[in-house]
Amino acid sequence: MSYSSSSNLGSGSSSANVTGGTDEIAKSIMGIDINLEKYFEGVIFKIFKYLNYIFEPVQHTFTNDVMSNHVQNLSLIMFILTVIIVIFFISLLFNLTLYLFSDKLLSYFTNKYII
């Protein structure tokens, strides 16, 4: 099977070859010639370079027991932080509830010293 790279799209006298359709649309919309692909590749390359530096393997001389203790300590710290975040979230919900219904709560009290 052989495919032809050029095709006739219409039977009219004007046949336009569409090459780089998105570039032409971007130029016509913005009115200037901006190569967005170059900028995206630059940004993505910088992000991958930074992440590669963070996640690249590092040589160490620790034993497996020491490394397993590190993992255990990290998991304990993460659990404690999770509990603290849950406590903060519950206190936020409580404070929002008090704030939203403060007028109704204040209407229950007639003593000026409580208010």
PDB file of N, CA and C in Angstrom:
ATOM      1  N   MET A   1       0.841  -1.168   0.000  1.00  0.00           N
ATOM      2  CA  MET A   1       0.000   0.000   0.000  1.00  0.00           C
ATOM      3  C   MET A   1       0.888   1.235   0.000  1.00  0.00           C
ATOM      4  N   SER A   2       0.546   2.165  -0.796  1.00  0.00           N
ATOM      5  CA  SER A   2       1.308   3.411  -0.834  1.00  0.00           C
ATOM      6  C   SER A   2       0.341   4.562  -0.603  1.00  0.00           C
ATOM      7  N   TYR A   3       0.786   5.476   0.216  1.00  0.00           N
ATOM      8  CA  TYR A   3      -0.026   6.637   0.520  1.00  0.00           C
ATOM      9  C   TYR A   3       0.613   7.862  -0.093  1.00  0.00           C
ATOM     10  N   SER A   4      -0.205   8.726  -0.592  1.00  0.00           N
ATOM     11  CA  SER A   4       0.279   9.968  -1.170  1.00  0.00           C
ATOM     12  C   SER A   4       0.352  11.026  -0.084  1.00  0.00           C
ATOM     13  N   SER A   5       1.435  11.795  -0.071  1.00  0.00           N
ATOM     14  CA  SER A   5       1.601  12.819   0.963  1.00  0.00           C
ATOM     15  C   SER A   5       0.771  14.058   0.670  1.00  0.00           C
ATOM     16  N   SER A   6       0.392  14.279  -0.577  1.00  0.00           N
ATOM     17  CA  SER A   6      -0.441  15.433  -0.894  1.00  0.00           C
ATOM     18  C   SER A   6      -1.834  14.941  -1.239  1.00  0.00           C
ATOM     19  N   SER A   7      -2.806  15.712  -0.818  1.00  0.00           N
ATOM     20  CA  SER A   7      -4.187  15.313  -1.097  1.00  0.00           C
ATOM     21  C   SER A   7      -4.967  16.527  -1.553  1.00  0.00           C
ATOM     22  N   ASN A   8      -5.953  16.298  -2.386  1.00  0.00           N
ATOM     23  CA  ASN A   8      -6.855  17.336  -2.839  1.00  0.00           C
ATOM     24  C   ASN A   8      -8.026  17.371  -1.874  1.00  0.00           C
ATOM     25  N   LEU A   9      -8.190  18.484  -1.189  1.00  0.00           N
ATOM     26  CA  LEU A   9      -9.256  18.570  -0.215  1.00  0.00           C
ATOM     27  C   LEU A   9     -10.553  19.057  -0.826  1.00  0.00           C
ATOM     28  N   GLY A  10     -10.485  19.785  -1.865  1.00  0.00           N
ATOM     29  CA  GLY A  10     -11.715  20.301  -2.457  1.00  0.00           C
ATOM     30  C   GLY A  10     -11.637  20.261  -3.962  1.00  0.00           C
ATOM     31  N   SER A  11     -12.770  20.470  -4.590  1.00  0.00           N
ATOM     32  CA  SER A  11     -12.786  20.448  -6.040  1.00  0.00           C
ATOM     33  C   SER A  11     -12.675  21.847  -6.616  1.00  0.00           C
ATOM     34  N   GLY A  12     -12.547  22.868  -5.746  1.00  0.00           N
ATOM     35  CA  GLY A  12     -12.454  24.246  -6.210  1.00  0.00           C
ATOM     36  C   GLY A  12     -11.094  24.532  -6.811  1.00  0.00           C
ATOM     37  N   SER A  13     -10.952  25.744  -7.333  1.00  0.00           N
ATOM     38  CA  SER A  13      -9.712  26.106  -8.001  1.00  0.00           C
ATOM     39  C   SER A  13      -8.600  26.427  -7.013  1.00  0.00           C
ATOM     40  N   SER A  14      -8.936  26.781  -5.787  1.00  0.00           N
ATOM     41  CA  SER A  14      -7.891  27.125  -4.825  1.00  0.00           C
ATOM     42  C   SER A  14      -7.672  25.955  -3.876  1.00  0.00           C
ATOM     43  N   SER A  15      -6.503  25.392  -3.938  1.00  0.00           N
ATOM     44  CA  SER A  15      -6.168  24.314  -3.000  1.00  0.00           C
ATOM     45  C   SER A  15      -5.003  24.798  -2.153  1.00  0.00           C
ATOM     46  N   ALA A  16      -5.195  24.829  -0.873  1.00  0.00           N
ATOM     47  CA  ALA A  16      -4.165  25.331   0.042  1.00  0.00           C
ATOM     48  C   ALA A  16      -3.551  24.159   0.786  1.00  0.00           C
ATOM     49  N   ASN A  17      -2.244  24.145   0.841  1.00  0.00           N
ATOM     50  CA  ASN A  17      -1.553  23.136   1.635  1.00  0.00           C
ATOM     51  C   ASN A  17      -1.474  23.629   3.069  1.00  0.00           C
ATOM     52  N   VAL A  18      -1.895  22.799   3.988  1.00  0.00           N
ATOM     53  CA  VAL A  18      -1.884  23.168   5.399  1.00  0.00           C
ATOM     54  C   VAL A  18      -0.624  22.586   6.009  1.00  0.00           C
ATOM     55  N   THR A  19       0.328  23.455   6.307  1.00  0.00           N
ATOM     56  CA  THR A  19       1.549  23.015   6.972  1.00  0.00           C
ATOM     57  C   THR A  19       1.707  23.850   8.227  1.00  0.00           C
ATOM     58  N   GLY A  20       1.906  23.181   9.336  1.00  0.00           N
ATOM     59  CA  GLY A  20       2.050  23.902  10.596  1.00  0.00           C
ATOM     60  C   GLY A  20       0.814  24.686  10.953  1.00  0.00           C
ATOM     61  N   GLY A  21      -0.319  24.038  10.931  1.00  0.00           N
ATOM     62  CA  GLY A  21      -1.583  24.710  11.161  1.00  0.00           C
ATOM     63  C   GLY A  21      -1.656  25.434  12.486  1.00  0.00           C
ATOM     64  N   THR A  22      -1.140  24.837  13.537  1.00  0.00           N
ATOM     65  CA  THR A  22      -1.224  25.485  14.845  1.00  0.00           C
ATOM     66  C   THR A  22      -0.354  26.721  14.893  1.00  0.00           C
ATOM     67  N   ASP A  23       0.792  26.702  14.211  1.00  0.00           N
ATOM     68  CA  ASP A  23       1.648  27.888  14.199  1.00  0.00           C
ATOM     69  C   ASP A  23       0.952  29.052  13.501  1.00  0.00           C
ATOM     70  N   GLU A  24       0.291  28.740  12.386  1.00  0.00           N
ATOM     71  CA  GLU A  24      -0.395  29.793  11.650  1.00  0.00           C
ATOM     72  C   GLU A  24      -1.563  30.349  12.456  1.00  0.00           C
ATOM     73  N   ILE A  25      -2.266  29.483  13.174  1.00  0.00           N
ATOM     74  CA  ILE A  25      -3.380  29.943  14.000  1.00  0.00           C
ATOM     75  C   ILE A  25      -2.852  30.814  15.132  1.00  0.00           C
ATOM     76  N   ALA A  26      -1.750  30.378  15.769  1.00  0.00           N
ATOM     77  CA  ALA A  26      -1.185  31.159  16.874  1.00  0.00           C
ATOM     78  C   ALA A  26      -0.715  32.520  16.381  1.00  0.00           C
ATOM     79  N   LYS A  27      -0.101  32.567  15.190  1.00  0.00           N
ATOM     80  CA  LYS A  27       0.351  33.848  14.651  1.00  0.00           C
ATOM     81  C   LYS A  27      -0.824  34.759  14.355  1.00  0.00           C
ATOM     82  N   SER A  28      -1.897  34.180  13.805  1.00  0.00           N
ATOM     83  CA  SER A  28      -3.022  35.023  13.439  1.00  0.00           C
ATOM     84  C   SER A  28      -3.789  35.503  14.670  1.00  0.00           C
ATOM     85  N   ILE A  29      -3.803  34.725  15.745  1.00  0.00           N
ATOM     86  CA  ILE A  29      -4.534  35.141  16.941  1.00  0.00           C
ATOM     87  C   ILE A  29      -3.749  36.204  17.695  1.00  0.00           C
ATOM     88  N   MET A  30      -2.460  35.959  17.924  1.00  0.00           N
ATOM     89  CA  MET A  30      -1.668  36.877  18.731  1.00  0.00           C
ATOM     90  C   MET A  30      -1.106  38.032  17.917  1.00  0.00           C
ATOM     91  N   GLY A  31      -0.941  37.851  16.642  1.00  0.00           N
ATOM     92  CA  GLY A  31      -0.416  38.903  15.801  1.00  0.00           C
ATOM     93  C   GLY A  31       1.098  38.983  15.795  1.00  0.00           C
ATOM     94  N   ILE A  32       1.757  38.148  16.581  1.00  0.00           N
ATOM     95  CA  ILE A  32       3.218  38.133  16.615  1.00  0.00           C
ATOM     96  C   ILE A  32       3.696  36.702  16.484  1.00  0.00           C
ATOM     97  N   ASP A  33       4.938  36.546  16.135  1.00  0.00           N
ATOM     98  CA  ASP A  33       5.513  35.217  15.937  1.00  0.00           C
ATOM     99  C   ASP A  33       6.201  34.771  17.228  1.00  0.00           C
ATOM    100  N   ILE A  34       5.531  33.914  17.984  1.00  0.00           N
ATOM    101  CA  ILE A  34       6.091  33.368  19.225  1.00  0.00           C
ATOM    102  C   ILE A  34       6.185  31.865  19.067  1.00  0.00           C
ATOM    103  N   ASN A  35       7.358  31.340  19.317  1.00  0.00           N
ATOM    104  CA  ASN A  35       7.555  29.898  19.255  1.00  0.00           C
ATOM    105  C   ASN A  35       7.361  29.333  20.654  1.00  0.00           C
ATOM    106  N   LEU A  36       6.122  28.934  20.954  1.00  0.00           N
ATOM    107  CA  LEU A  36       5.805  28.441  22.289  1.00  0.00           C
ATOM    108  C   LEU A  36       6.489  27.114  22.577  1.00  0.00           C
ATOM    109  N   GLU A  37       6.694  26.324  21.565  1.00  0.00           N
ATOM    110  CA  GLU A  37       7.324  25.018  21.758  1.00  0.00           C
ATOM    111  C   GLU A  37       8.727  25.176  22.334  1.00  0.00           C
ATOM    112  N   LYS A  38       9.451  26.173  21.875  1.00  0.00           N
ATOM    113  CA  LYS A  38      10.815  26.416  22.375  1.00  0.00           C
ATOM    114  C   LYS A  38      10.787  26.764  23.855  1.00  0.00           C
ATOM    115  N   TYR A  39       9.835  27.610  24.264  1.00  0.00           N
ATOM    116  CA  TYR A  39       9.749  28.002  25.660  1.00  0.00           C
ATOM    117  C   TYR A  39       9.333  26.830  26.546  1.00  0.00           C
ATOM    118  N   PHE A  40       8.350  26.041  26.083  1.00  0.00           N
ATOM    119  CA  PHE A  40       7.907  24.893  26.867  1.00  0.00           C
ATOM    120  C   PHE A  40       9.032  23.884  27.035  1.00  0.00           C
ATOM    121  N   GLU A  41       9.797  23.626  25.956  1.00  0.00           N
ATOM    122  CA  GLU A  41      10.907  22.687  26.055  1.00  0.00           C
ATOM    123  C   GLU A  41      11.962  23.206  27.022  1.00  0.00           C
ATOM    124  N   GLY A  42      12.198  24.502  27.018  1.00  0.00           N
ATOM    125  CA  GLY A  42      13.169  25.084  27.942  1.00  0.00           C
ATOM    126  C   GLY A  42      12.742  24.942  29.388  1.00  0.00           C
ATOM    127  N   VAL A  43      11.464  25.226  29.660  1.00  0.00           N
ATOM    128  CA  VAL A  43      10.950  25.140  31.024  1.00  0.00           C
ATOM    129  C   VAL A  43      10.937  23.695  31.503  1.00  0.00           C
ATOM    130  N   ILE A  44      10.446  22.798  30.664  1.00  0.00           N
ATOM    131  CA  ILE A  44      10.383  21.386  31.046  1.00  0.00           C
ATOM    132  C   ILE A  44      11.789  20.829  31.235  1.00  0.00           C
ATOM    133  N   PHE A  45      12.744  21.236  30.404  1.00  0.00           N
ATOM    134  CA  PHE A  45      14.116  20.775  30.555  1.00  0.00           C
ATOM    135  C   PHE A  45      14.697  21.238  31.887  1.00  0.00           C
ATOM    136  N   LYS A  46      14.430  22.474  32.279  1.00  0.00           N
ATOM    137  CA  LYS A  46      14.934  22.980  33.561  1.00  0.00           C
ATOM    138  C   LYS A  46      14.310  22.245  34.733  1.00  0.00           C
ATOM    139  N   ILE A  47      13.014  21.946  34.640  1.00  0.00           N
ATOM    140  CA  ILE A  47      12.339  21.228  35.724  1.00  0.00           C
ATOM    141  C   ILE A  47      12.902  19.819  35.845  1.00  0.00           C
ATOM    142  N   PHE A  48      13.078  19.115  34.719  1.00  0.00           N
ATOM    143  CA  PHE A  48      13.625  17.761  34.763  1.00  0.00           C
ATOM    144  C   PHE A  48      15.056  17.761  35.275  1.00  0.00           C
ATOM    145  N   LYS A  49      15.826  18.764  34.905  1.00  0.00           N
ATOM    146  CA  LYS A  49      17.208  18.850  35.379  1.00  0.00           C
ATOM    147  C   LYS A  49      17.232  19.017  36.896  1.00  0.00           C
ATOM    148  N   TYR A  50      16.342  19.858  37.420  1.00  0.00           N
ATOM    149  CA  TYR A  50      16.274  20.064  38.860  1.00  0.00           C
ATOM    150  C   TYR A  50      15.819  18.796  39.572  1.00  0.00           C
ATOM    151  N   LEU A  51      14.784  18.125  39.049  1.00  0.00           N
ATOM    152  CA  LEU A  51      14.295  16.904  39.675  1.00  0.00           C
ATOM    153  C   LEU A  51      15.303  15.769  39.563  1.00  0.00           C
ATOM    154  N   ASN A  52      16.042  15.725  38.476  1.00  0.00           N
ATOM    155  CA  ASN A  52      17.057  14.693  38.315  1.00  0.00           C
ATOM    156  C   ASN A  52      18.146  14.846  39.374  1.00  0.00           C
ATOM    157  N   TYR A  53      18.493  16.081  39.689  1.00  0.00           N
ATOM    158  CA  TYR A  53      19.489  16.336  40.732  1.00  0.00           C
ATOM    159  C   TYR A  53      18.972  15.867  42.096  1.00  0.00           C
ATOM    160  N   ILE A  54      17.669  16.034  42.347  1.00  0.00           N
ATOM    161  CA  ILE A  54      17.104  15.630  43.630  1.00  0.00           C
ATOM    162  C   ILE A  54      17.010  14.112  43.735  1.00  0.00           C
ATOM    163  N   PHE A  55      16.579  13.441  42.671  1.00  0.00           N
ATOM    164  CA  PHE A  55      16.288  12.013  42.742  1.00  0.00           C
ATOM    165  C   PHE A  55      17.421  11.107  42.276  1.00  0.00           C
ATOM    166  N   GLU A  56      18.564  11.653  41.953  1.00  0.00           N
ATOM    167  CA  GLU A  56      19.647  10.779  41.502  1.00  0.00           C
ATOM    168  C   GLU A  56      20.197   9.974  42.679  1.00  0.00           C
ATOM    169  N   PRO A  57      20.628   8.748  42.441  1.00  0.00           N
ATOM    170  CA  PRO A  57      21.122   7.903  43.534  1.00  0.00           C
ATOM    171  C   PRO A  57      22.422   8.454  44.123  1.00  0.00           C
ATOM    172  N   VAL A  58      22.560   8.261  45.424  1.00  0.00           N
ATOM    173  CA  VAL A  58      23.724   8.752  46.143  1.00  0.00           C
ATOM    174  C   VAL A  58      24.401   7.559  46.822  1.00  0.00           C
ATOM    175  N   GLN A  59      25.716   7.486  46.734  1.00  0.00           N
ATOM    176  CA  GLN A  59      26.461   6.428  47.401  1.00  0.00           C
ATOM    177  C   GLN A  59      26.520   6.699  48.897  1.00  0.00           C
ATOM    178  N   HIS A  60      26.342   5.647  49.687  1.00  0.00           N
ATOM    179  CA  HIS A  60      26.447   5.785  51.132  1.00  0.00           C
ATOM    180  C   HIS A  60      27.064   4.515  51.700  1.00  0.00           C
ATOM    181  N   THR A  61      27.502   4.614  52.939  1.00  0.00           N
ATOM    182  CA  THR A  61      28.153   3.468  53.589  1.00  0.00           C
ATOM    183  C   THR A  61      27.326   2.936  54.741  1.00  0.00           C
ATOM    184  N   PHE A  62      26.043   3.319  54.807  1.00  0.00           N
ATOM    185  CA  PHE A  62      25.196   2.855  55.896  1.00  0.00           C
ATOM    186  C   PHE A  62      24.792   1.408  55.670  1.00  0.00           C
ATOM    187  N   THR A  63      24.532   0.696  56.762  1.00  0.00           N
ATOM    188  CA  THR A  63      24.033  -0.684  56.650  1.00  0.00           C
ATOM    189  C   THR A  63      22.522  -0.640  56.451  1.00  0.00           C
ATOM    190  N   ASN A  64      21.965  -1.782  56.139  1.00  0.00           N
ATOM    191  CA  ASN A  64      20.517  -1.868  55.929  1.00  0.00           C
ATOM    192  C   ASN A  64      19.754  -1.624  57.225  1.00  0.00           C
ATOM    193  N   ASP A  65      20.344  -2.020  58.361  1.00  0.00           N
ATOM    194  CA  ASP A  65      19.674  -1.787  59.642  1.00  0.00           C
ATOM    195  C   ASP A  65      19.539  -0.291  59.928  1.00  0.00           C
ATOM    196  N   VAL A  66      20.594   0.450  59.670  1.00  0.00           N
ATOM    197  CA  VAL A  66      20.541   1.892  59.899  1.00  0.00           C
ATOM    198  C   VAL A  66      19.529   2.542  58.959  1.00  0.00           C
ATOM    199  N   MET A  67      19.521   2.115  57.707  1.00  0.00           N
ATOM    200  CA  MET A  67      18.576   2.687  56.746  1.00  0.00           C
ATOM    201  C   MET A  67      17.134   2.341  57.105  1.00  0.00           C
ATOM    202  N   SER A  68      16.893   1.125  57.602  1.00  0.00           N
ATOM    203  CA  SER A  68      15.530   0.770  58.016  1.00  0.00           C
ATOM    204  C   SER A  68      15.103   1.576  59.232  1.00  0.00           C
ATOM    205  N   ASN A  69      16.045   1.899  60.121  1.00  0.00           N
ATOM    206  CA  ASN A  69      15.710   2.766  61.254  1.00  0.00           C
ATOM    207  C   ASN A  69      15.367   4.175  60.785  1.00  0.00           C
ATOM    208  N   HIS A  70      16.059   4.651  59.772  1.00  0.00           N
ATOM    209  CA  HIS A  70      15.725   5.965  59.214  1.00  0.00           C
ATOM    210  C   HIS A  70      14.319   5.970  58.639  1.00  0.00           C
ATOM    211  N   VAL A  71      13.956   4.930  57.927  1.00  0.00           N
ATOM    212  CA  VAL A  71      12.615   4.850  57.349  1.00  0.00           C
ATOM    213  C   VAL A  71      11.572   4.800  58.453  1.00  0.00           C
ATOM    214  N   GLN A  72      11.864   4.053  59.508  1.00  0.00           N
ATOM    215  CA  GLN A  72      10.930   3.962  60.627  1.00  0.00           C
ATOM    216  C   GLN A  72      10.782   5.319  61.316  1.00  0.00           C
ATOM    217  N   ASN A  73      11.864   6.029  61.516  1.00  0.00           N
ATOM    218  CA  ASN A  73      11.795   7.353  62.144  1.00  0.00           C
ATOM    219  C   ASN A  73      11.024   8.336  61.269  1.00  0.00           C
ATOM    220  N   LEU A  74      11.255   8.281  59.965  1.00  0.00           N
ATOM    221  CA  LEU A  74      10.521   9.168  59.060  1.00  0.00           C
ATOM    222  C   LEU A  74       9.026   8.869  59.067  1.00  0.00           C
ATOM    223  N   SER A  75       8.673   7.596  59.111  1.00  0.00           N
ATOM    224  CA  SER A  75       7.250   7.247  59.131  1.00  0.00           C
ATOM    225  C   SER A  75       6.603   7.705  60.429  1.00  0.00           C
ATOM    226  N   LEU A  76       7.314   7.633  61.541  1.00  0.00           N
ATOM    227  CA  LEU A  76       6.779   8.115  62.806  1.00  0.00           C
ATOM    228  C   LEU A  76       6.583   9.633  62.775  1.00  0.00           C
ATOM    229  N   ILE A  77       7.547  10.346  62.237  1.00  0.00           N
ATOM    230  CA  ILE A  77       7.427  11.800  62.118  1.00  0.00           C
ATOM    231  C   ILE A  77       6.262  12.172  61.206  1.00  0.00           C
ATOM    232  N   MET A  78       6.094  11.451  60.103  1.00  0.00           N
ATOM    233  CA  MET A  78       4.979  11.740  59.194  1.00  0.00           C
ATOM    234  C   MET A  78       3.638  11.465  59.859  1.00  0.00           C
ATOM    235  N   PHE A  79       3.554  10.425  60.683  1.00  0.00           N
ATOM    236  CA  PHE A  79       2.309  10.147  61.392  1.00  0.00           C
ATOM    237  C   PHE A  79       1.988  11.267  62.365  1.00  0.00           C
ATOM    238  N   ILE A  80       2.991  11.735  63.112  1.00  0.00           N
ATOM    239  CA  ILE A  80       2.770  12.820  64.068  1.00  0.00           C
ATOM    240  C   ILE A  80       2.331  14.087  63.339  1.00  0.00           C
ATOM    241  N   LEU A  81       2.961  14.391  62.216  1.00  0.00           N
ATOM    242  CA  LEU A  81       2.562  15.572  61.444  1.00  0.00           C
ATOM    243  C   LEU A  81       1.145  15.437  60.897  1.00  0.00           C
ATOM    244  N   THR A  82       0.767  14.245  60.503  1.00  0.00           N
ATOM    245  CA  THR A  82      -0.594  14.018  60.016  1.00  0.00           C
ATOM    246  C   THR A  82      -1.615  14.252  61.120  1.00  0.00           C
ATOM    247  N   VAL A  83      -1.311  13.777  62.322  1.00  0.00           N
ATOM    248  CA  VAL A  83      -2.217  13.988  63.448  1.00  0.00           C
ATOM    249  C   VAL A  83      -2.336  15.480  63.753  1.00  0.00           C
ATOM    250  N   ILE A  84      -1.225  16.201  63.708  1.00  0.00           N
ATOM    251  CA  ILE A  84      -1.259  17.641  63.960  1.00  0.00           C
ATOM    252  C   ILE A  84      -2.084  18.361  62.896  1.00  0.00           C
ATOM    253  N   ILE A  85      -1.941  17.963  61.638  1.00  0.00           N
ATOM    254  CA  ILE A  85      -2.721  18.587  60.556  1.00  0.00           C
ATOM    255  C   ILE A  85      -4.209  18.315  60.735  1.00  0.00           C
ATOM    256  N   VAL A  86      -4.570  17.113  61.147  1.00  0.00           N
ATOM    257  CA  VAL A  86      -5.980  16.789  61.377  1.00  0.00           C
ATOM    258  C   VAL A  86      -6.538  17.633  62.522  1.00  0.00           C
ATOM    259  N   ILE A  87      -5.745  17.803  63.578  1.00  0.00           N
ATOM    260  CA  ILE A  87      -6.190  18.640  64.703  1.00  0.00           C
ATOM    261  C   ILE A  87      -6.390  20.087  64.250  1.00  0.00           C
ATOM    262  N   PHE A  88      -5.462  20.603  63.464  1.00  0.00           N
ATOM    263  CA  PHE A  88      -5.614  21.969  62.946  1.00  0.00           C
ATOM    264  C   PHE A  88      -6.844  22.097  62.049  1.00  0.00           C
ATOM    265  N   PHE A  89      -7.107  21.088  61.235  1.00  0.00           N
ATOM    266  CA  PHE A  89      -8.268  21.132  60.345  1.00  0.00           C
ATOM    267  C   PHE A  89      -9.565  21.120  61.144  1.00  0.00           C
ATOM    268  N   ILE A  90      -9.630  20.305  62.186  1.00  0.00           N
ATOM    269  CA  ILE A  90     -10.835  20.256  63.020  1.00  0.00           C
ATOM    270  C   ILE A  90     -11.025  21.584  63.741  1.00  0.00           C
ATOM    271  N   SER A  91      -9.930  22.182  64.224  1.00  0.00           N
ATOM    272  CA  SER A  91     -10.062  23.482  64.882  1.00  0.00           C
ATOM    273  C   SER A  91     -10.491  24.564  63.887  1.00  0.00           C
ATOM    274  N   LEU A  92     -10.026  24.469  62.650  1.00  0.00           N
ATOM    275  CA  LEU A  92     -10.473  25.412  61.620  1.00  0.00           C
ATOM    276  C   LEU A  92     -11.976  25.282  61.388  1.00  0.00           C
ATOM    277  N   LEU A  93     -12.459  24.059  61.268  1.00  0.00           N
ATOM    278  CA  LEU A  93     -13.899  23.862  61.072  1.00  0.00           C
ATOM    279  C   LEU A  93     -14.700  24.386  62.255  1.00  0.00           C
ATOM    280  N   PHE A  94     -14.205  24.168  63.461  1.00  0.00           N
ATOM    281  CA  PHE A  94     -14.886  24.666  64.660  1.00  0.00           C
ATOM    282  C   PHE A  94     -14.922  26.192  64.666  1.00  0.00           C
ATOM    283  N   ASN A  95     -13.809  26.817  64.345  1.00  0.00           N
ATOM    284  CA  ASN A  95     -13.759  28.277  64.326  1.00  0.00           C
ATOM    285  C   ASN A  95     -14.636  28.864  63.226  1.00  0.00           C
ATOM    286  N   LEU A  96     -14.670  28.222  62.067  1.00  0.00           N
ATOM    287  CA  LEU A  96     -15.558  28.685  61.003  1.00  0.00           C
ATOM    288  C   LEU A  96     -17.020  28.574  61.414  1.00  0.00           C
ATOM    289  N   THR A  97     -17.360  27.490  62.084  1.00  0.00           N
ATOM    290  CA  THR A  97     -18.733  27.319  62.548  1.00  0.00           C
ATOM    291  C   THR A  97     -19.095  28.400  63.553  1.00  0.00           C
ATOM    292  N   LEU A  98     -18.182  28.674  64.489  1.00  0.00           N
ATOM    293  CA  LEU A  98     -18.448  29.742  65.449  1.00  0.00           C
ATOM    294  C   LEU A  98     -18.594  31.090  64.764  1.00  0.00           C
ATOM    295  N   TYR A  99     -17.762  31.343  63.797  1.00  0.00           N
ATOM    296  CA  TYR A  99     -17.828  32.628  63.088  1.00  0.00           C
ATOM    297  C   TYR A  99     -19.124  32.770  62.292  1.00  0.00           C
ATOM    298  N   LEU A 100     -19.519  31.719  61.607  1.00  0.00           N
ATOM    299  CA  LEU A 100     -20.725  31.798  60.777  1.00  0.00           C
ATOM    300  C   LEU A 100     -21.991  31.955  61.612  1.00  0.00           C
ATOM    301  N   PHE A 101     -22.008  31.315  62.787  1.00  0.00           N
ATOM    302  CA  PHE A 101     -23.206  31.378  63.631  1.00  0.00           C
ATOM    303  C   PHE A 101     -23.008  32.285  64.838  1.00  0.00           C
ATOM    304  N   SER A 102     -22.095  33.246  64.744  1.00  0.00           N
ATOM    305  CA  SER A 102     -21.818  34.111  65.898  1.00  0.00           C
ATOM    306  C   SER A 102     -23.007  34.994  66.256  1.00  0.00           C
ATOM    307  N   ASP A 103     -23.738  35.496  65.286  1.00  0.00           N
ATOM    308  CA  ASP A 103     -24.902  36.339  65.573  1.00  0.00           C
ATOM    309  C   ASP A 103     -25.969  35.562  66.332  1.00  0.00           C
ATOM    310  N   LYS A 104     -26.214  34.352  65.911  1.00  0.00           N
ATOM    311  CA  LYS A 104     -27.222  33.536  66.589  1.00  0.00           C
ATOM    312  C   LYS A 104     -26.772  33.182  67.999  1.00  0.00           C
ATOM    313  N   LEU A 105     -25.478  32.882  68.172  1.00  0.00           N
ATOM    314  CA  LEU A 105     -24.968  32.558  69.498  1.00  0.00           C
ATOM    315  C   LEU A 105     -25.025  33.767  70.425  1.00  0.00           C
ATOM    316  N   LEU A 106     -24.697  34.949  69.921  1.00  0.00           N
ATOM    317  CA  LEU A 106     -24.738  36.152  70.746  1.00  0.00           C
ATOM    318  C   LEU A 106     -26.168  36.532  71.140  1.00  0.00           C
ATOM    319  N   SER A 107     -27.123  36.154  70.322  1.00  0.00           N
ATOM    320  CA  SER A 107     -28.521  36.480  70.649  1.00  0.00           C
ATOM    321  C   SER A 107     -29.031  35.661  71.834  1.00  0.00           C
ATOM    322  N   TYR A 108     -28.385  34.541  72.153  1.00  0.00           N
ATOM    323  CA  TYR A 108     -28.799  33.735  73.296  1.00  0.00           C
ATOM    324  C   TYR A 108     -28.382  34.369  74.628  1.00  0.00           C
ATOM    325  N   PHE A 109     -27.391  35.243  74.614  1.00  0.00           N
ATOM    326  CA  PHE A 109     -26.881  35.818  75.843  1.00  0.00           C
ATOM    327  C   PHE A 109     -27.402  37.251  75.993  1.00  0.00           C
ATOM    328  N   THR A 110     -27.959  37.516  77.178  1.00  0.00           N
ATOM    329  CA  THR A 110     -28.433  38.860  77.454  1.00  0.00           C
ATOM    330  C   THR A 110     -27.546  39.586  78.466  1.00  0.00           C
ATOM    331  N   ASN A 111     -26.678  38.867  79.117  1.00  0.00           N
ATOM    332  CA  ASN A 111     -25.768  39.463  80.083  1.00  0.00           C
ATOM    333  C   ASN A 111     -24.669  40.212  79.343  1.00  0.00           C
ATOM    334  N   LYS A 112     -24.438  41.469  79.694  1.00  0.00           N
ATOM    335  CA  LYS A 112     -23.458  42.249  78.959  1.00  0.00           C
ATOM    336  C   LYS A 112     -22.020  41.835  79.278  1.00  0.00           C
ATOM    337  N   TYR A 113     -21.791  41.183  80.416  1.00  0.00           N
ATOM    338  CA  TYR A 113     -20.444  40.777  80.777  1.00  0.00           C
ATOM    339  C   TYR A 113     -19.974  39.541  80.003  1.00  0.00           C
ATOM    340  N   ILE A 114     -20.883  38.733  79.555  1.00  0.00           N
ATOM    341  CA  ILE A 114     -20.526  37.545  78.761  1.00  0.00           C
ATOM    342  C   ILE A 114     -20.147  37.969  77.353  1.00  0.00           C
ATOM    343  N   ILE A 115     -20.873  38.939  76.842  1.00  0.00           N
ATOM    344  CA  ILE A 115     -20.605  39.395  75.478  1.00  0.00           C
ATOM    345  C   ILE A 115     -19.324  40.142  75.479  1.00  0.00           C
TER     346      ILE A 115
END
